[in-house]
Amino acid sequence: MTEIAFTAIPGWQEDDQGKALAAFLRFCVPPFPFLRAEPFGLSAGDAADLCREASEVPDADTDAARSFFEARFTPYRIDTNGFVTGYFEPELPASRVRTPDFSVPLLKAPAGLEAITDANRPEDWPAELSHGLRTDKGLVPLPDRGEIMDGALDDEHLELVWLADPVDAYFVHVQGSARLRLTDGSVMRVGYAGKAGYPYTSIARVLVERGEGTPEELTMSGLRKWLEDNPDRRDALFKENRSFIFFREVTLENPDDGPVGAADLPLVAGRSLAVDPRHIPYGMPVFVSAGIPDPERPKTQFGRLLIADDTGSAIRGEARGDIFTGSGDRAGQIAGDIRHTGEMILLLPRRDH
């Protein structure tokens, strides 16, 4: 990383840092676990001081918020070329019970699902598997997407909720959450609960490699059209992505909040960023500059201060980001248009304040 000046950040002066500050304040809850972890590494007292100053910035005062970040943080440009995409929370019809119209399940995590760490990794464990299943015989691999589609977990009765369309269900797996309109008129929120552990494979990239389209054609909407136009080839393509996501029902105090991300906080549309937490910790302010129009300011190139608070199976590398765009069809359209190289700049707390 290279230390730079705030004046060297393209779009810094034009951004509304007040919205980013509101998203950052979600991490200001004692004992400040995110802010005390590396690379923040703040003491409890320093974290409390930082959060106190942040909370004293008047709401909707963009200039004051910008001044706060400039006074308390130092920007570092990630030297690796960045790449950003967008994701959203789909809104879909669903049923808590299987019916002729709703026959595609989202599954709960099986009992015994464990993330693999250095502490529990068996000696012969496949390097690419991030999760396993704890059994009487120790940790064993789970079935992959194709095996689950073929019934490998049917006897476990893990069905959480039922959707109408397998294409919708696949995109819920990609997004990691959904807002579901149930048949009784109520709304159910589902979020990430774990995964089978296999690496994510972009099925759009598979189609590109087969010569069935270009990256520009196979955006989210282009991929959906291909899947709808090729129902006889759809399942075989799904199985090319061995990654499989499990879900849980999420209850939020405010039903208007975004879905809960990996940092266990509701996501903020346009200000939440999914990252690879091996490189960027949750709670980190990250300025993203990309050569795409800003959805809120179409005549302006995208340049926003975001807060790292989520991750995803496809988000790997120090300069890889996924921008949360909100819930519903419009958010999905915006997310589908975000696929571009970009520059990522981390804001680290100053130690000399």
Protein backbone atom coordinates (compact mmCIF):
# COMPACT_ATOMS: atom_id res chain seq x y z
CA MET A 1 0.00 0.00 0.00
CA THR A 2 1.07 3.58 -0.64
CA GLU A 3 0.22 6.49 1.63
CA ILE A 4 -1.41 9.33 -0.29
CA ALA A 5 -3.02 12.69 0.46
CA PHE A 6 -6.78 13.16 0.58
CA THR A 7 -6.37 15.70 -2.23
CA ALA A 8 -5.08 12.85 -4.43
CA ILE A 9 -8.31 10.84 -4.10
CA PRO A 10 -10.44 11.35 -7.23
CA GLY A 11 -13.95 12.35 -6.21
CA TRP A 12 -13.18 12.87 -2.51
CA GLN A 13 -14.42 16.47 -2.46
CA GLU A 14 -17.61 15.59 -4.34
CA ASP A 15 -18.69 12.66 -2.14
CA ASP A 16 -21.21 12.85 0.70
CA GLN A 17 -19.07 11.56 3.56
CA GLY A 18 -21.95 12.13 5.96
CA LYS A 19 -23.61 8.98 4.64
CA ALA A 20 -20.38 7.04 5.10
CA LEU A 21 -20.02 8.36 8.64
CA ALA A 22 -23.51 7.12 9.53
CA ALA A 23 -22.52 3.68 8.23
CA PHE A 24 -19.24 3.80 10.18
CA LEU A 25 -21.05 4.62 13.44
CA ARG A 26 -22.65 1.16 13.38
CA PHE A 27 -19.25 -0.14 14.51
CA CYS A 28 -19.09 2.22 17.48
CA VAL A 29 -20.58 -0.17 20.03
CA PRO A 30 -18.51 -0.94 23.17
CA PRO A 31 -16.25 -2.84 23.59
CA PHE A 32 -15.46 -1.92 19.94
CA PRO A 33 -14.29 -5.39 18.84
CA PHE A 34 -13.73 -4.42 15.19
CA LEU A 35 -11.85 -1.20 15.94
CA ARG A 36 -9.57 -2.92 18.47
CA ALA A 37 -8.60 -5.71 16.05
CA GLU A 38 -5.70 -5.34 13.62
CA PRO A 39 -4.98 -3.42 11.47
CA PHE A 40 -6.99 -0.81 13.40
CA GLY A 41 -5.39 -1.97 16.62
CA LEU A 42 -6.91 0.80 18.72
CA SER A 43 -7.04 0.60 22.48
CA ALA A 44 -10.46 0.63 24.07
CA GLY A 45 -9.88 4.24 25.08
CA ASP A 46 -8.73 5.35 21.63
CA ALA A 47 -11.67 3.57 20.00
CA ALA A 48 -14.05 5.29 22.40
CA ASP A 49 -12.48 8.69 21.62
CA LEU A 50 -12.72 8.08 17.87
CA CYS A 51 -16.36 7.06 18.15
CA ARG A 52 -17.20 9.96 20.44
CA GLU A 53 -15.82 12.41 17.89
CA ALA A 54 -17.68 10.63 15.10
CA SER A 55 -20.96 10.81 17.01
CA GLU A 56 -20.52 14.55 17.59
CA VAL A 57 -20.50 15.34 13.87
CA PRO A 58 -23.88 16.94 13.04
CA ASP A 59 -26.19 14.77 10.96
CA ALA A 60 -26.23 15.54 7.24
CA ASP A 61 -23.22 17.90 7.56
CA THR A 62 -21.10 16.62 4.69
CA ASP A 63 -18.28 19.11 5.23
CA ALA A 64 -17.99 18.25 8.93
CA ALA A 65 -17.99 14.53 8.16
CA ARG A 66 -15.29 15.01 5.52
CA SER A 67 -13.21 16.99 8.01
CA PHE A 68 -13.59 14.23 10.60
CA PHE A 69 -12.21 11.58 8.27
CA GLU A 70 -9.39 13.88 7.15
CA ALA A 71 -8.39 14.64 10.74
CA ARG A 72 -8.62 11.12 12.15
CA PHE A 73 -7.57 8.87 9.25
CA THR A 74 -4.73 8.47 6.75
CA PRO A 75 -5.48 7.21 3.22
CA TYR A 76 -3.50 4.33 1.72
CA ARG A 77 -3.93 3.31 -1.89
CA ILE A 78 -3.93 -0.45 -2.54
CA ASP A 79 -1.30 -0.91 -5.23
CA THR A 80 -3.03 -3.94 -6.78
CA ASN A 81 -5.48 -3.18 -9.59
CA GLY A 82 -8.99 -3.31 -8.14
CA PHE A 83 -12.24 -4.78 -9.43
CA VAL A 84 -15.72 -3.91 -8.17
CA THR A 85 -19.15 -5.41 -8.72
CA GLY A 86 -22.56 -4.79 -7.20
CA TYR A 87 -25.00 -6.95 -5.25
CA PHE A 88 -28.48 -6.49 -3.84
CA GLU A 89 -31.26 -8.07 -1.79
CA PRO A 90 -33.84 -9.66 -4.12
CA GLU A 91 -37.54 -9.35 -3.30
CA LEU A 92 -39.37 -12.52 -4.27
CA PRO A 93 -42.62 -14.42 -3.63
CA ALA A 94 -42.19 -17.49 -1.41
CA SER A 95 -43.96 -20.03 0.78
CA ARG A 96 -43.07 -21.62 4.11
CA VAL A 97 -44.50 -24.91 2.83
CA ARG A 98 -43.98 -26.71 -0.45
CA THR A 99 -46.81 -26.27 -2.95
CA PRO A 100 -47.15 -26.91 -6.69
CA ASP A 101 -46.24 -23.25 -7.28
CA PHE A 102 -43.38 -23.13 -4.76
CA SER A 103 -41.10 -26.14 -5.08
CA VAL A 104 -37.53 -24.78 -5.05
CA PRO A 105 -36.07 -24.78 -1.52
CA LEU A 106 -33.55 -22.61 0.24
CA LEU A 107 -31.79 -24.82 2.78
CA LYS A 108 -30.84 -24.29 6.41
CA ALA A 109 -27.31 -25.12 7.52
CA PRO A 110 -26.94 -28.75 8.58
CA ALA A 111 -26.07 -29.46 12.21
CA GLY A 112 -22.32 -29.75 12.57
CA LEU A 113 -21.38 -27.27 9.83
CA GLU A 114 -17.99 -25.75 10.67
CA ALA A 115 -15.72 -23.19 9.05
CA ILE A 116 -12.24 -24.63 8.61
CA THR A 117 -9.50 -22.84 10.55
CA ASP A 118 -5.92 -23.60 11.46
CA ALA A 119 -7.24 -24.89 14.78
CA ASN A 120 -9.58 -27.56 13.40
CA ARG A 121 -8.11 -28.36 9.97
CA PRO A 122 -7.41 -32.11 9.54
CA GLU A 123 -3.99 -32.97 8.12
CA ASP A 124 -5.35 -34.32 4.84
CA TRP A 125 -8.07 -31.68 4.38
CA PRO A 126 -8.41 -30.39 0.78
CA ALA A 127 -6.88 -26.92 0.62
CA GLU A 128 -9.77 -25.47 -1.39
CA LEU A 129 -12.52 -26.44 1.08
CA SER A 130 -13.46 -23.67 3.53
CA HIS A 131 -16.16 -25.61 5.45
CA GLY A 132 -16.80 -29.14 6.62
CA LEU A 133 -19.34 -31.21 8.54
CA ARG A 134 -18.55 -32.42 12.06
CA THR A 135 -19.55 -36.08 12.47
CA ASP A 136 -18.71 -38.97 14.78
CA LYS A 137 -15.81 -39.68 12.43
CA GLY A 138 -14.50 -36.12 12.59
CA LEU A 139 -14.73 -33.44 9.92
CA VAL A 140 -15.90 -34.62 6.52
CA PRO A 141 -16.55 -32.68 3.28
CA LEU A 142 -20.11 -31.71 2.44
CA PRO A 143 -21.70 -32.48 -0.92
CA ASP A 144 -21.27 -29.79 -3.56
CA ARG A 145 -24.01 -27.94 -5.46
CA GLY A 146 -24.50 -30.67 -8.06
CA GLU A 147 -24.76 -33.40 -5.45
CA ILE A 148 -27.20 -31.34 -3.38
CA MET A 149 -29.30 -30.64 -6.47
CA ASP A 150 -29.35 -34.41 -7.07
CA GLY A 151 -30.71 -35.06 -3.56
CA ALA A 152 -27.65 -35.60 -1.34
CA LEU A 153 -29.24 -33.68 1.56
CA ASP A 154 -32.90 -34.52 0.98
CA ASP A 155 -33.07 -36.86 3.98
CA GLU A 156 -31.84 -34.09 6.30
CA HIS A 157 -35.07 -32.05 5.88
CA LEU A 158 -33.22 -28.73 5.79
CA GLU A 159 -35.83 -26.81 3.78
CA LEU A 160 -36.21 -23.30 5.24
CA VAL A 161 -38.55 -21.76 2.66
CA TRP A 162 -39.71 -22.49 -0.88
CA LEU A 163 -39.34 -20.31 -3.98
CA ALA A 164 -41.13 -20.57 -7.31
CA ASP A 165 -38.22 -20.27 -9.73
CA PRO A 166 -34.84 -22.07 -9.76
CA VAL A 167 -33.25 -19.08 -11.49
CA ASP A 168 -34.42 -16.78 -8.68
CA ALA A 169 -33.10 -19.28 -6.14
CA TYR A 170 -29.69 -19.35 -7.82
CA PHE A 171 -29.43 -15.57 -7.71
CA VAL A 172 -30.40 -15.58 -4.02
CA HIS A 173 -27.40 -17.86 -3.51
CA VAL A 174 -25.20 -15.38 -5.36
CA GLN A 175 -26.53 -12.38 -3.41
CA GLY A 176 -26.55 -14.17 -0.04
CA SER A 177 -29.84 -12.73 1.23
CA ALA A 178 -33.42 -12.04 0.18
CA ARG A 179 -36.63 -10.31 1.23
CA LEU A 180 -39.45 -12.80 0.68
CA ARG A 181 -43.16 -12.00 0.31
CA LEU A 182 -44.93 -15.02 1.78
CA THR A 183 -48.28 -16.37 0.66
CA ASP A 184 -49.95 -15.13 3.87
CA GLY A 185 -48.91 -11.55 3.13
CA SER A 186 -46.06 -11.37 5.64
CA VAL A 187 -42.42 -10.64 4.84
CA MET A 188 -39.59 -13.04 5.66
CA ARG A 189 -35.91 -12.05 5.55
CA VAL A 190 -33.28 -14.70 4.93
CA GLY A 191 -29.52 -14.32 5.20
CA TYR A 192 -26.29 -16.21 4.93
CA ALA A 193 -25.82 -19.07 7.42
CA GLY A 194 -22.80 -20.86 5.96
CA LYS A 195 -21.73 -22.72 2.86
CA ALA A 196 -20.70 -26.14 1.65
CA GLY A 197 -17.15 -24.85 1.35
CA TYR A 198 -16.32 -25.28 -2.32
CA PRO A 199 -14.79 -22.39 -4.32
CA TYR A 200 -17.18 -20.11 -6.17
CA THR A 201 -17.21 -20.36 -9.96
CA SER A 202 -18.86 -17.65 -12.05
CA ILE A 203 -21.24 -19.39 -14.43
CA ALA A 204 -21.24 -16.25 -16.58
CA ARG A 205 -17.49 -16.70 -16.99
CA VAL A 206 -18.09 -20.35 -17.93
CA LEU A 207 -20.39 -19.20 -20.74
CA VAL A 208 -17.85 -16.62 -21.90
CA GLU A 209 -15.13 -19.28 -22.01
CA ARG A 210 -17.45 -21.47 -24.10
CA GLY A 211 -17.96 -18.66 -26.58
CA GLU A 212 -21.65 -18.21 -25.72
CA GLY A 213 -21.38 -14.52 -24.98
CA THR A 214 -19.09 -11.69 -24.00
CA PRO A 215 -18.55 -10.23 -20.50
CA GLU A 216 -20.49 -7.17 -21.65
CA GLU A 217 -23.44 -9.33 -22.72
CA LEU A 218 -23.43 -11.67 -19.73
CA THR A 219 -24.12 -9.15 -17.00
CA MET A 220 -26.61 -10.17 -14.33
CA SER A 221 -29.56 -9.44 -16.62
CA GLY A 222 -27.86 -11.09 -19.59
CA LEU A 223 -27.10 -14.22 -17.58
CA ARG A 224 -30.69 -14.37 -16.33
CA LYS A 225 -31.96 -14.17 -19.91
CA TRP A 226 -29.65 -17.03 -20.98
CA LEU A 227 -30.88 -19.19 -18.09
CA GLU A 228 -34.52 -18.47 -18.91
CA ASP A 229 -33.94 -19.14 -22.62
CA ASN A 230 -32.11 -22.44 -22.01
CA PRO A 231 -34.07 -24.38 -19.36
CA ASP A 232 -32.76 -27.71 -20.65
CA ARG A 233 -29.14 -26.62 -20.07
CA ARG A 234 -29.73 -24.56 -16.94
CA ASP A 235 -29.13 -27.18 -14.24
CA ALA A 236 -25.92 -28.43 -15.85
CA LEU A 237 -24.62 -24.86 -15.84
CA PHE A 238 -25.64 -24.36 -12.20
CA LYS A 239 -23.58 -27.42 -11.29
CA GLU A 240 -20.45 -25.81 -12.75
CA ASN A 241 -20.51 -23.64 -9.61
CA ARG A 242 -19.81 -26.13 -6.82
CA SER A 243 -20.30 -23.47 -4.13
CA PHE A 244 -23.60 -23.83 -2.24
CA ILE A 245 -25.03 -21.41 0.34
CA PHE A 246 -27.15 -22.19 3.41
CA PHE A 247 -29.60 -19.67 4.86
CA ARG A 248 -31.24 -18.62 8.11
CA GLU A 249 -34.28 -16.54 8.89
CA VAL A 250 -33.28 -13.06 10.02
CA THR A 251 -35.41 -10.90 12.31
CA LEU A 252 -34.67 -7.16 12.25
CA GLU A 253 -35.95 -4.56 14.71
CA ASN A 254 -36.55 -2.17 11.81
CA PRO A 255 -38.12 -3.93 8.80
CA ASP A 256 -36.76 -1.16 6.56
CA ASP A 257 -33.16 -2.02 7.45
CA GLY A 258 -30.98 -3.74 4.89
CA PRO A 259 -30.05 -7.41 5.22
CA VAL A 260 -27.58 -8.44 7.89
CA GLY A 261 -24.03 -8.75 6.56
CA ALA A 262 -21.06 -10.78 7.70
CA ALA A 263 -20.24 -8.21 10.39
CA ASP A 264 -23.69 -9.00 11.88
CA LEU A 265 -24.94 -5.50 11.10
CA PRO A 266 -27.67 -4.35 8.69
CA LEU A 267 -26.18 -3.31 5.36
CA VAL A 268 -26.53 0.26 4.12
CA ALA A 269 -27.51 0.74 0.48
CA GLY A 270 -24.78 2.52 -1.44
CA ARG A 271 -22.37 2.57 1.52
CA SER A 272 -21.78 -1.09 2.43
CA LEU A 273 -18.89 -2.93 0.80
CA ALA A 274 -18.30 -6.67 0.74
CA VAL A 275 -14.57 -7.41 0.96
CA ASP A 276 -12.15 -10.25 1.53
CA PRO A 277 -11.71 -10.02 5.34
CA ARG A 278 -8.32 -11.68 5.07
CA HIS A 279 -7.11 -8.38 3.59
CA ILE A 280 -9.61 -5.69 4.65
CA PRO A 281 -11.20 -5.87 8.12
CA TYR A 282 -14.83 -5.13 8.83
CA GLY A 283 -15.36 -1.54 9.88
CA MET A 284 -12.64 -0.19 7.57
CA PRO A 285 -13.57 2.93 5.57
CA VAL A 286 -12.69 2.26 1.92
CA PHE A 287 -12.89 4.86 -0.83
CA VAL A 288 -13.78 3.23 -4.14
CA SER A 289 -13.20 5.01 -7.43
CA ALA A 290 -14.40 3.29 -10.61
CA GLY A 291 -14.96 4.29 -14.22
CA ILE A 292 -18.74 3.95 -14.09
CA PRO A 293 -21.47 6.56 -13.57
CA ASP A 294 -22.56 7.09 -9.99
CA PRO A 295 -26.19 5.83 -9.72
CA GLU A 296 -27.11 8.88 -7.64
CA ARG A 297 -25.19 11.32 -9.87
CA PRO A 298 -25.24 9.85 -13.40
CA LYS A 299 -23.04 12.61 -14.86
CA THR A 300 -20.33 11.94 -12.27
CA GLN A 301 -17.83 9.09 -12.19
CA PHE A 302 -18.32 6.72 -9.24
CA GLY A 303 -16.28 7.78 -6.23
CA ARG A 304 -17.60 7.01 -2.75
CA LEU A 305 -16.44 6.33 0.76
CA LEU A 306 -17.85 2.93 1.75
CA ILE A 307 -17.61 0.83 4.90
CA ALA A 308 -16.40 -2.78 4.77
CA ASP A 309 -19.05 -4.90 6.51
CA ASP A 310 -19.72 -8.00 4.44
CA THR A 311 -18.09 -10.69 2.31
CA GLY A 312 -19.04 -13.28 -0.27
CA SER A 313 -17.83 -16.46 -1.92
CA ALA A 314 -16.68 -14.58 -5.03
CA ILE A 315 -14.91 -11.80 -3.11
CA ARG A 316 -11.25 -12.80 -3.01
CA GLY A 317 -8.15 -10.61 -3.01
CA GLU A 318 -7.01 -7.38 -1.42
CA ALA A 319 -8.51 -5.13 -4.11
CA ARG A 320 -11.82 -6.90 -4.73
CA GLY A 321 -15.03 -5.20 -3.64
CA ASP A 322 -18.77 -5.76 -3.99
CA ILE A 323 -21.04 -2.75 -3.45
CA PHE A 324 -24.44 -3.29 -1.82
CA THR A 325 -27.04 -1.36 -3.81
CA GLY A 326 -30.20 -2.01 -1.78
CA SER A 327 -33.33 -4.15 -2.09
CA GLY A 328 -35.71 -4.86 -4.95
CA ASP A 329 -35.72 -4.71 -8.73
CA ARG A 330 -34.23 -1.23 -9.12
CA ALA A 331 -31.35 -2.13 -6.81
CA GLY A 332 -30.85 -5.27 -8.88
CA GLN A 333 -30.61 -3.23 -12.07
CA ILE A 334 -28.01 -0.95 -10.48
CA ALA A 335 -26.03 -3.90 -9.12
CA GLY A 336 -26.05 -5.63 -12.48
CA ASP A 337 -24.45 -2.60 -14.13
CA ILE A 338 -21.52 -2.45 -11.69
CA ARG A 339 -18.69 -4.53 -13.05
CA HIS A 340 -15.53 -2.53 -13.55
CA THR A 341 -11.91 -2.06 -12.66
CA GLY A 342 -11.42 0.42 -9.89
CA GLU A 343 -9.12 1.92 -7.31
CA MET A 344 -9.49 1.11 -3.62
CA ILE A 345 -8.11 3.37 -0.90
CA LEU A 346 -8.15 2.32 2.75
CA LEU A 347 -8.53 4.84 5.57
CA LEU A 348 -6.52 3.81 8.64
CA PRO A 349 -6.89 5.65 11.97
CA ARG A 350 -4.09 8.08 12.68
CA ARG A 351 -1.93 7.20 15.68
CA ASP A 352 -0.74 10.75 16.30
CA HIS A 353 -4.10 12.34 17.00
